[in-house]
Amino acid sequence: MASKYGEKSQEKVEKAMHERKHGTLKSGKSGKKVKSRKQAIAIGLSEARRAGGKVPAKKSSKKSSKSRKSSKKK
């Protein structure tokens, strides 16, 4: 089975997790310390995306157009 992420991406996520553990990882604009494991992974993946690593596309939180149309009819 092929890996989900490339080596560059794995390194970025690993680095972000290490920084979170030591309390030095900070979030974007606010600059607050990251406490969540999931948030640290997300930061690592976004850095990998910017660096051009092999990372799957972001999951969209928007509803599909079909479900929007059916909810409007009700």
PDB file of N, CA and C in Angstrom:
ATOM      1  N   MET A   1       0.844  -1.190   0.000  1.00  0.00           N
ATOM      2  CA  MET A   1       0.000   0.000   0.000  1.00  0.00           C
ATOM      3  C   MET A   1       0.888   1.252   0.000  1.00  0.00           C
ATOM      4  N   ALA A   2       0.569   2.195  -0.845  1.00  0.00           N
ATOM      5  CA  ALA A   2       1.362   3.422  -0.960  1.00  0.00           C
ATOM      6  C   ALA A   2       1.124   4.319   0.252  1.00  0.00           C
ATOM      7  N   SER A   3       2.148   5.095   0.611  1.00  0.00           N
ATOM      8  CA  SER A   3       1.991   5.997   1.752  1.00  0.00           C
ATOM      9  C   SER A   3       1.099   7.174   1.368  1.00  0.00           C
ATOM     10  N   LYS A   4       0.425   7.691   2.357  1.00  0.00           N
ATOM     11  CA  LYS A   4      -0.521   8.788   2.129  1.00  0.00           C
ATOM     12  C   LYS A   4       0.220  10.100   1.851  1.00  0.00           C
ATOM     13  N   TYR A   5       1.327  10.296   2.533  1.00  0.00           N
ATOM     14  CA  TYR A   5       2.102  11.520   2.407  1.00  0.00           C
ATOM     15  C   TYR A   5       3.507  11.205   1.912  1.00  0.00           C
ATOM     16  N   GLY A   6       4.135  12.194   1.286  1.00  0.00           N
ATOM     17  CA  GLY A   6       5.506  12.040   0.840  1.00  0.00           C
ATOM     18  C   GLY A   6       6.468  12.189   2.019  1.00  0.00           C
ATOM     19  N   GLU A   7       7.739  11.942   1.773  1.00  0.00           N
ATOM     20  CA  GLU A   7       8.736  12.025   2.850  1.00  0.00           C
ATOM     21  C   GLU A   7       8.865  13.435   3.404  1.00  0.00           C
ATOM     22  N   LYS A   8       8.854  14.432   2.498  1.00  0.00           N
ATOM     23  CA  LYS A   8       8.947  15.830   2.934  1.00  0.00           C
ATOM     24  C   LYS A   8       7.808  16.157   3.898  1.00  0.00           C
ATOM     25  N   SER A   9       6.618  15.707   3.528  1.00  0.00           N
ATOM     26  CA  SER A   9       5.426  15.985   4.332  1.00  0.00           C
ATOM     27  C   SER A   9       5.536  15.320   5.698  1.00  0.00           C
ATOM     28  N   GLN A  10       6.007  14.089   5.725  1.00  0.00           N
ATOM     29  CA  GLN A  10       6.162  13.378   6.989  1.00  0.00           C
ATOM     30  C   GLN A  10       7.144  14.104   7.898  1.00  0.00           C
ATOM     31  N   GLU A  11       8.210  14.630   7.305  1.00  0.00           N
ATOM     32  CA  GLU A  11       9.207  15.365   8.089  1.00  0.00           C
ATOM     33  C   GLU A  11       8.616  16.653   8.661  1.00  0.00           C
ATOM     34  N   LYS A  12       7.812  17.351   7.865  1.00  0.00           N
ATOM     35  CA  LYS A  12       7.199  18.609   8.321  1.00  0.00           C
ATOM     36  C   LYS A  12       6.244  18.347   9.484  1.00  0.00           C
ATOM     37  N   VAL A  13       5.436  17.290   9.355  1.00  0.00           N
ATOM     38  CA  VAL A  13       4.480  16.949  10.413  1.00  0.00           C
ATOM     39  C   VAL A  13       5.236  16.533  11.670  1.00  0.00           C
ATOM     40  N   GLU A  14       6.284  15.746  11.505  1.00  0.00           N
ATOM     41  CA  GLU A  14       7.086  15.299  12.641  1.00  0.00           C
ATOM     42  C   GLU A  14       7.706  16.490  13.368  1.00  0.00           C
ATOM     43  N   LYS A  15       8.193  17.456  12.603  1.00  0.00           N
ATOM     44  CA  LYS A  15       8.802  18.657  13.189  1.00  0.00           C
ATOM     45  C   LYS A  15       7.758  19.469  13.964  1.00  0.00           C
ATOM     46  N   ALA A  16       6.556  19.597  13.381  1.00  0.00           N
ATOM     47  CA  ALA A  16       5.482  20.344  14.034  1.00  0.00           C
ATOM     48  C   ALA A  16       5.062  19.669  15.341  1.00  0.00           C
ATOM     49  N   MET A  17       4.990  18.333  15.320  1.00  0.00           N
ATOM     50  CA  MET A  17       4.620  17.585  16.526  1.00  0.00           C
ATOM     51  C   MET A  17       5.682  17.747  17.613  1.00  0.00           C
ATOM     52  N   HIS A  18       6.948  17.743  17.216  1.00  0.00           N
ATOM     53  CA  HIS A  18       8.057  17.920  18.148  1.00  0.00           C
ATOM     54  C   HIS A  18       7.987  19.311  18.784  1.00  0.00           C
ATOM     55  N   GLU A  19       7.717  20.331  17.969  1.00  0.00           N
ATOM     56  CA  GLU A  19       7.609  21.702  18.479  1.00  0.00           C
ATOM     57  C   GLU A  19       6.435  21.838  19.437  1.00  0.00           C
ATOM     58  N   ARG A  20       5.318  21.176  19.103  1.00  0.00           N
ATOM     59  CA  ARG A  20       4.139  21.233  19.983  1.00  0.00           C
ATOM     60  C   ARG A  20       4.472  20.628  21.344  1.00  0.00           C
ATOM     61  N   LYS A  21       5.177  19.510  21.321  1.00  0.00           N
ATOM     62  CA  LYS A  21       5.518  18.813  22.555  1.00  0.00           C
ATOM     63  C   LYS A  21       6.382  19.682  23.468  1.00  0.00           C
ATOM     64  N   HIS A  22       7.263  20.476  22.862  1.00  0.00           N
ATOM     65  CA  HIS A  22       8.138  21.353  23.630  1.00  0.00           C
ATOM     66  C   HIS A  22       7.518  22.721  23.901  1.00  0.00           C
ATOM     67  N   GLY A  23       6.306  22.962  23.370  1.00  0.00           N
ATOM     68  CA  GLY A  23       5.604  24.212  23.630  1.00  0.00           C
ATOM     69  C   GLY A  23       6.080  25.386  22.808  1.00  0.00           C
ATOM     70  N   THR A  24       6.744  25.129  21.672  1.00  0.00           N
ATOM     71  CA  THR A  24       7.248  26.234  20.854  1.00  0.00           C
ATOM     72  C   THR A  24       6.449  26.430  19.571  1.00  0.00           C
ATOM     73  N   LEU A  25       5.484  25.540  19.281  1.00  0.00           N
ATOM     74  CA  LEU A  25       4.680  25.662  18.067  1.00  0.00           C
ATOM     75  C   LEU A  25       3.569  26.682  18.294  1.00  0.00           C
ATOM     76  N   LYS A  26       3.477  27.655  17.395  1.00  0.00           N
ATOM     77  CA  LYS A  26       2.465  28.702  17.545  1.00  0.00           C
ATOM     78  C   LYS A  26       1.584  28.739  16.312  1.00  0.00           C
ATOM     79  N   SER A  27       0.333  29.137  16.515  1.00  0.00           N
ATOM     80  CA  SER A  27      -0.617  29.197  15.400  1.00  0.00           C
ATOM     81  C   SER A  27      -0.428  30.486  14.612  1.00  0.00           C
ATOM     82  N   GLY A  28      -1.096  30.568  13.469  1.00  0.00           N
ATOM     83  CA  GLY A  28      -0.952  31.656  12.498  1.00  0.00           C
ATOM     84  C   GLY A  28      -0.982  33.062  13.021  1.00  0.00           C
ATOM     85  N   LYS A  29      -2.097  33.766  12.828  1.00  0.00           N
ATOM     86  CA  LYS A  29      -2.176  35.197  13.135  1.00  0.00           C
ATOM     87  C   LYS A  29      -2.085  35.489  14.633  1.00  0.00           C
ATOM     88  N   SER A  30      -2.796  34.707  15.444  1.00  0.00           N
ATOM     89  CA  SER A  30      -2.855  35.007  16.874  1.00  0.00           C
ATOM     90  C   SER A  30      -1.518  34.764  17.571  1.00  0.00           C
ATOM     91  N   GLY A  31      -0.770  33.776  17.099  1.00  0.00           N
ATOM     92  CA  GLY A  31       0.520  33.475  17.702  1.00  0.00           C
ATOM     93  C   GLY A  31       0.411  32.740  19.025  1.00  0.00           C
ATOM     94  N   LYS A  32      -0.787  32.175  19.304  1.00  0.00           N
ATOM     95  CA  LYS A  32      -0.975  31.425  20.543  1.00  0.00           C
ATOM     96  C   LYS A  32      -0.319  30.058  20.426  1.00  0.00           C
ATOM     97  N   LYS A  33       0.057  29.487  21.577  1.00  0.00           N
ATOM     98  CA  LYS A  33       0.661  28.157  21.591  1.00  0.00           C
ATOM     99  C   LYS A  33      -0.366  27.122  21.156  1.00  0.00           C
ATOM    100  N   VAL A  34       0.085  26.156  20.375  1.00  0.00           N
ATOM    101  CA  VAL A  34      -0.779  25.081  19.919  1.00  0.00           C
ATOM    102  C   VAL A  34      -0.744  23.968  20.953  1.00  0.00           C
ATOM    103  N   LYS A  35      -1.930  23.565  21.429  1.00  0.00           N
ATOM    104  CA  LYS A  35      -2.016  22.494  22.418  1.00  0.00           C
ATOM    105  C   LYS A  35      -2.583  21.220  21.814  1.00  0.00           C
ATOM    106  N   SER A  36      -3.363  21.356  20.765  1.00  0.00           N
ATOM    107  CA  SER A  36      -4.037  20.220  20.150  1.00  0.00           C
ATOM    108  C   SER A  36      -3.120  19.455  19.203  1.00  0.00           C
ATOM    109  N   ARG A  37      -3.184  18.116  19.296  1.00  0.00           N
ATOM    110  CA  ARG A  37      -2.405  17.246  18.425  1.00  0.00           C
ATOM    111  C   ARG A  37      -2.863  17.388  16.979  1.00  0.00           C
ATOM    112  N   LYS A  38      -4.182  17.453  16.787  1.00  0.00           N
ATOM    113  CA  LYS A  38      -4.751  17.577  15.439  1.00  0.00           C
ATOM    114  C   LYS A  38      -4.328  18.888  14.788  1.00  0.00           C
ATOM    115  N   GLN A  39      -4.311  19.954  15.568  1.00  0.00           N
ATOM    116  CA  GLN A  39      -3.919  21.254  15.035  1.00  0.00           C
ATOM    117  C   GLN A  39      -2.449  21.254  14.623  1.00  0.00           C
ATOM    118  N   ALA A  40      -1.614  20.574  15.398  1.00  0.00           N
ATOM    119  CA  ALA A  40      -0.185  20.476  15.066  1.00  0.00           C
ATOM    120  C   ALA A  40       0.002  19.728  13.753  1.00  0.00           C
ATOM    121  N   ILE A  41      -0.761  18.658  13.549  1.00  0.00           N
ATOM    122  CA  ILE A  41      -0.684  17.904  12.297  1.00  0.00           C
ATOM    123  C   ILE A  41      -1.133  18.773  11.135  1.00  0.00           C
ATOM    124  N   ALA A  42      -2.215  19.524  11.330  1.00  0.00           N
ATOM    125  CA  ALA A  42      -2.729  20.407  10.278  1.00  0.00           C
ATOM    126  C   ALA A  42      -1.702  21.466   9.898  1.00  0.00           C
ATOM    127  N   ILE A  43      -1.002  22.009  10.868  1.00  0.00           N
ATOM    128  CA  ILE A  43       0.032  23.012  10.600  1.00  0.00           C
ATOM    129  C   ILE A  43       1.170  22.383   9.805  1.00  0.00           C
ATOM    130  N   GLY A  44       1.586  21.187  10.194  1.00  0.00           N
ATOM    131  CA  GLY A  44       2.654  20.479   9.478  1.00  0.00           C
ATOM    132  C   GLY A  44       2.276  20.195   8.037  1.00  0.00           C
ATOM    133  N   LEU A  45       1.021  19.771   7.806  1.00  0.00           N
ATOM    134  CA  LEU A  45       0.569  19.471   6.447  1.00  0.00           C
ATOM    135  C   LEU A  45       0.462  20.730   5.598  1.00  0.00           C
ATOM    136  N   SER A  46       0.014  21.828   6.197  1.00  0.00           N
ATOM    137  CA  SER A  46      -0.089  23.061   5.419  1.00  0.00           C
ATOM    138  C   SER A  46       1.290  23.587   5.033  1.00  0.00           C
ATOM    139  N   GLU A  47       2.270  23.430   5.932  1.00  0.00           N
ATOM    140  CA  GLU A  47       3.649  23.824   5.597  1.00  0.00           C
ATOM    141  C   GLU A  47       4.189  22.957   4.465  1.00  0.00           C
ATOM    142  N   ALA A  48       3.851  21.664   4.503  1.00  0.00           N
ATOM    143  CA  ALA A  48       4.301  20.742   3.459  1.00  0.00           C
ATOM    144  C   ALA A  48       3.665  21.101   2.116  1.00  0.00           C
ATOM    145  N   ARG A  49       2.391  21.494   2.153  1.00  0.00           N
ATOM    146  CA  ARG A  49       1.708  21.921   0.915  1.00  0.00           C
ATOM    147  C   ARG A  49       2.425  23.111   0.302  1.00  0.00           C
ATOM    148  N   ARG A  50       2.762  24.087   1.151  1.00  0.00           N
ATOM    149  CA  ARG A  50       3.459  25.285   0.662  1.00  0.00           C
ATOM    150  C   ARG A  50       4.831  24.941   0.102  1.00  0.00           C
ATOM    151  N   ALA A  51       5.474  23.936   0.681  1.00  0.00           N
ATOM    152  CA  ALA A  51       6.809  23.522   0.224  1.00  0.00           C
ATOM    153  C   ALA A  51       6.736  22.630  -1.006  1.00  0.00           C
ATOM    154  N   GLY A  52       5.531  22.229  -1.394  1.00  0.00           N
ATOM    155  CA  GLY A  52       5.360  21.419  -2.600  1.00  0.00           C
ATOM    156  C   GLY A  52       5.453  19.930  -2.364  1.00  0.00           C
ATOM    157  N   GLY A  53       5.214  19.484  -1.140  1.00  0.00           N
ATOM    158  CA  GLY A  53       5.269  18.060  -0.825  1.00  0.00           C
ATOM    159  C   GLY A  53       4.018  17.324  -1.279  1.00  0.00           C
ATOM    160  N   LYS A  54       4.088  15.979  -1.259  1.00  0.00           N
ATOM    161  CA  LYS A  54       2.949  15.154  -1.658  1.00  0.00           C
ATOM    162  C   LYS A  54       1.980  15.064  -0.485  1.00  0.00           C
ATOM    163  N   VAL A  55       0.886  15.820  -0.587  1.00  0.00           N
ATOM    164  CA  VAL A  55      -0.121  15.859   0.463  1.00  0.00           C
ATOM    165  C   VAL A  55      -1.491  15.814  -0.196  1.00  0.00           C
ATOM    166  N   PRO A  56      -2.421  15.011   0.346  1.00  0.00           N
ATOM    167  CA  PRO A  56      -3.768  15.004  -0.240  1.00  0.00           C
ATOM    168  C   PRO A  56      -4.447  16.365  -0.072  1.00  0.00           C
ATOM    169  N   ALA A  57      -5.410  16.652  -0.923  1.00  0.00           N
ATOM    170  CA  ALA A  57      -6.107  17.945  -0.878  1.00  0.00           C
ATOM    171  C   ALA A  57      -6.874  18.092   0.429  1.00  0.00           C
ATOM    172  N   LYS A  58      -7.123  19.337   0.825  1.00  0.00           N
ATOM    173  CA  LYS A  58      -7.890  19.607   2.034  1.00  0.00           C
ATOM    174  C   LYS A  58      -9.305  19.079   1.872  1.00  0.00           C
ATOM    175  N   LYS A  59      -9.889  18.630   2.969  1.00  0.00           N
ATOM    176  CA  LYS A  59     -11.282  18.189   2.925  1.00  0.00           C
ATOM    177  C   LYS A  59     -12.152  19.431   2.967  1.00  0.00           C
ATOM    178  N   SER A  60     -13.155  19.477   2.107  1.00  0.00           N
ATOM    179  CA  SER A  60     -14.043  20.630   2.057  1.00  0.00           C
ATOM    180  C   SER A  60     -15.156  20.451   3.077  1.00  0.00           C
ATOM    181  N   SER A  61     -15.455  21.510   3.830  1.00  0.00           N
ATOM    182  CA  SER A  61     -16.513  21.435   4.827  1.00  0.00           C
ATOM    183  C   SER A  61     -17.846  21.925   4.263  1.00  0.00           C
ATOM    184  N   LYS A  62     -17.827  22.355   3.001  1.00  0.00           N
ATOM    185  CA  LYS A  62     -19.048  22.847   2.384  1.00  0.00           C
ATOM    186  C   LYS A  62     -19.937  21.683   1.967  1.00  0.00           C
ATOM    187  N   LYS A  63     -21.245  21.930   1.976  1.00  0.00           N
ATOM    188  CA  LYS A  63     -22.187  20.912   1.516  1.00  0.00           C
ATOM    189  C   LYS A  63     -22.120  20.830  -0.001  1.00  0.00           C
ATOM    190  N   SER A  64     -22.463  19.673  -0.536  1.00  0.00           N
ATOM    191  CA  SER A  64     -22.491  19.533  -1.988  1.00  0.00           C
ATOM    192  C   SER A  64     -23.679  20.303  -2.548  1.00  0.00           C
ATOM    193  N   SER A  65     -23.634  20.636  -3.814  1.00  0.00           N
ATOM    194  CA  SER A  65     -24.695  21.436  -4.423  1.00  0.00           C
ATOM    195  C   SER A  65     -26.030  20.690  -4.421  1.00  0.00           C
ATOM    196  N   LYS A  66     -25.987  19.350  -4.542  1.00  0.00           N
ATOM    197  CA  LYS A  66     -27.226  18.566  -4.511  1.00  0.00           C
ATOM    198  C   LYS A  66     -27.930  18.691  -3.168  1.00  0.00           C
ATOM    199  N   SER A  67     -27.193  18.577  -2.092  1.00  0.00           N
ATOM    200  CA  SER A  67     -27.819  18.641  -0.772  1.00  0.00           C
ATOM    201  C   SER A  67     -28.323  20.053  -0.471  1.00  0.00           C
ATOM    202  N   ARG A  68     -27.663  21.076  -1.010  1.00  0.00           N
ATOM    203  CA  ARG A  68     -28.150  22.447  -0.826  1.00  0.00           C
ATOM    204  C   ARG A  68     -29.473  22.650  -1.549  1.00  0.00           C
ATOM    205  N   LYS A  69     -29.573  22.104  -2.773  1.00  0.00           N
ATOM    206  CA  LYS A  69     -30.797  22.258  -3.555  1.00  0.00           C
ATOM    207  C   LYS A  69     -31.967  21.541  -2.885  1.00  0.00           C
ATOM    208  N   SER A  70     -31.722  20.340  -2.363  1.00  0.00           N
ATOM    209  CA  SER A  70     -32.800  19.578  -1.737  1.00  0.00           C
ATOM    210  C   SER A  70     -33.245  20.241  -0.436  1.00  0.00           C
ATOM    211  N   SER A  71     -32.352  20.888   0.300  1.00  0.00           N
ATOM    212  CA  SER A  71     -32.725  21.539   1.537  1.00  0.00           C
ATOM    213  C   SER A  71     -33.507  22.827   1.267  1.00  0.00           C
ATOM    214  N   LYS A  72     -33.267  23.472   0.129  1.00  0.00           N
ATOM    215  CA  LYS A  72     -34.015  24.681  -0.232  1.00  0.00           C
ATOM    216  C   LYS A  72     -35.473  24.364  -0.564  1.00  0.00           C
ATOM    217  N   LYS A  73     -35.708  23.170  -1.156  1.00  0.00           N
ATOM    218  CA  LYS A  73     -37.052  22.800  -1.570  1.00  0.00           C
ATOM    219  C   LYS A  73     -37.974  22.568  -0.371  1.00  0.00           C
ATOM    220  N   LYS A  74     -37.431  22.141   0.741  1.00  0.00           N
ATOM    221  CA  LYS A  74     -38.246  21.803   1.927  1.00  0.00           C
ATOM    222  C   LYS A  74     -38.863  22.991   2.580  1.00  0.00           C
TER     223      LYS A  74
END
